[in-house]
Structures are given as structure tokens and as C-alpha cells.
Amino acid sequence: MSGSPMPLPSILAIIGMLPSHASGVAACTYHFFFNAAAVSFLVTLQAGLTCLGNTTLAIACYRLAVSNGWTINELNPFRNKEAEAAA
């Protein structure tokens, strides 16, 4: 491994995974205590962190794809691929 720093999209993807990890930890903690009423707030915390984690991962994936030259036009299923190849 070289001494160069990680590219920004990779760092953003790692940061985007943190809320998802925290969500899993919240679920495991909740079930460890056998769903005790004193820790019932963890269900809401897990849902919020899962939503936040999925959103930040989607943003990181989008930024990674754009940094590699992907464009939104590639999502069009009706484009004429033959015409693009001829151009």
C-alpha cells in the first residue's frame, strides 16, 4: 500500500457506513437485553440510524459513480444504442 491518502469518494463511503453500523449495534444491544422496556428507545434509534445510513451510502455511491465518469443519461432505458455507437 502506498503512502498516498485515500481518495475523497472512498472516505465518504466509509463515513456513510457508520450510521448503518451504529444501527446494527443498537439492534444487537436491544436484543441483548431481551427487549427490556428501559431500552425500548433503541428501536426508534435503530430506524433513524438505518435511514440516515442508507441515505449517506446512496450519496457516497452517487459521488463515486460521478467521479468515475457516470452520467444520469445512462439510466435512460429508451435511448438508441445503435445511434450512439454510430456517432
Protein backbone atom coordinates (compact mmCIF):
# COMPACT_ATOMS: atom_id res chain seq x y z
CA MET A 1 0.00 0.00 0.00
CA SER A 2 1.37 3.38 -0.96
CA GLY A 3 1.67 6.39 1.31
CA SER A 4 -0.90 8.39 -0.64
CA PRO A 5 -4.13 9.33 1.13
CA MET A 6 -7.44 7.69 0.27
CA PRO A 7 -9.48 9.44 -2.43
CA LEU A 8 -12.39 11.51 -1.17
CA PRO A 9 -15.18 9.24 -2.53
CA SER A 10 -13.70 6.27 -0.62
CA ILE A 11 -13.59 8.26 2.61
CA LEU A 12 -17.20 9.39 2.07
CA ALA A 13 -18.29 5.77 1.55
CA ILE A 14 -16.63 4.76 4.82
CA ILE A 15 -18.25 7.67 6.66
CA GLY A 16 -21.57 6.74 5.06
CA MET A 17 -21.35 3.26 6.58
CA LEU A 18 -21.02 4.49 10.16
CA PRO A 19 -24.75 5.15 10.78
CA SER A 20 -25.58 1.71 9.39
CA HIS A 21 -23.06 0.15 11.75
CA ALA A 22 -24.48 2.13 14.67
CA SER A 23 -27.95 0.89 13.69
CA GLY A 24 -26.77 -2.72 13.90
CA VAL A 25 -25.14 -2.10 17.26
CA ALA A 26 -28.40 -0.58 18.53
CA ALA A 27 -30.36 -3.65 17.40
CA CYS A 28 -27.89 -6.07 18.98
CA THR A 29 -27.89 -4.12 22.24
CA TYR A 30 -31.69 -4.07 22.29
CA HIS A 31 -31.97 -7.81 21.78
CA PHE A 32 -29.15 -8.50 24.22
CA PHE A 33 -31.28 -7.00 26.98
CA PHE A 34 -34.28 -9.14 25.86
CA ASN A 35 -36.35 -6.21 24.71
CA ALA A 36 -36.47 -4.62 28.17
CA ALA A 37 -38.83 -1.64 28.41
CA ALA A 38 -35.99 0.54 29.74
CA VAL A 39 -34.18 0.37 26.38
CA SER A 40 -37.20 0.50 24.04
CA PHE A 41 -35.94 3.83 22.61
CA LEU A 42 -33.32 1.79 20.74
CA VAL A 43 -35.92 0.65 18.22
CA THR A 44 -36.55 4.25 17.19
CA LEU A 45 -32.83 4.98 17.24
CA GLN A 46 -32.17 1.97 15.02
CA ALA A 47 -34.79 3.06 12.49
CA GLY A 48 -33.39 6.59 12.35
CA LEU A 49 -29.79 5.45 12.02
CA THR A 50 -30.73 2.92 9.33
CA CYS A 51 -32.46 5.64 7.32
CA LEU A 52 -29.52 8.02 7.79
CA GLY A 53 -27.03 5.29 6.90
CA ASN A 54 -28.87 4.26 3.75
CA THR A 55 -29.13 7.89 2.64
CA THR A 56 -25.46 8.64 3.21
CA LEU A 57 -24.45 5.40 1.43
CA ALA A 58 -26.61 6.35 -1.55
CA ILE A 59 -24.96 9.79 -1.69
CA ALA A 60 -21.49 8.24 -1.43
CA CYS A 61 -22.30 5.74 -4.20
CA TYR A 62 -23.60 8.52 -6.43
CA ARG A 63 -20.50 10.64 -5.85
CA LEU A 64 -18.25 7.65 -6.51
CA ALA A 65 -20.06 6.88 -9.78
CA VAL A 66 -19.88 10.52 -10.91
CA SER A 67 -16.18 10.68 -10.10
CA ASN A 68 -15.70 7.70 -12.45
CA GLY A 69 -17.49 9.42 -15.33
CA TRP A 70 -21.02 8.10 -14.89
CA THR A 71 -23.85 10.40 -16.02
CA ILE A 72 -27.57 10.38 -15.28
CA ASN A 73 -28.25 9.89 -19.01
CA GLU A 74 -27.04 6.31 -18.68
CA LEU A 75 -30.26 5.50 -16.78
CA ASN A 76 -32.48 6.11 -19.83
CA PRO A 77 -33.69 2.65 -20.95
CA PHE A 78 -35.16 4.06 -24.18
CA ARG A 79 -32.00 5.55 -25.65
CA ASN A 80 -30.94 4.33 -29.05
CA LYS A 81 -27.68 2.48 -28.50
CA GLU A 82 -27.10 1.98 -32.23
CA ALA A 83 -27.24 5.72 -32.86
CA GLU A 84 -24.76 6.32 -30.02
CA ALA A 85 -22.36 3.74 -31.46
CA ALA A 86 -22.52 5.37 -34.91
CA ALA A 87 -21.79 8.84 -33.51
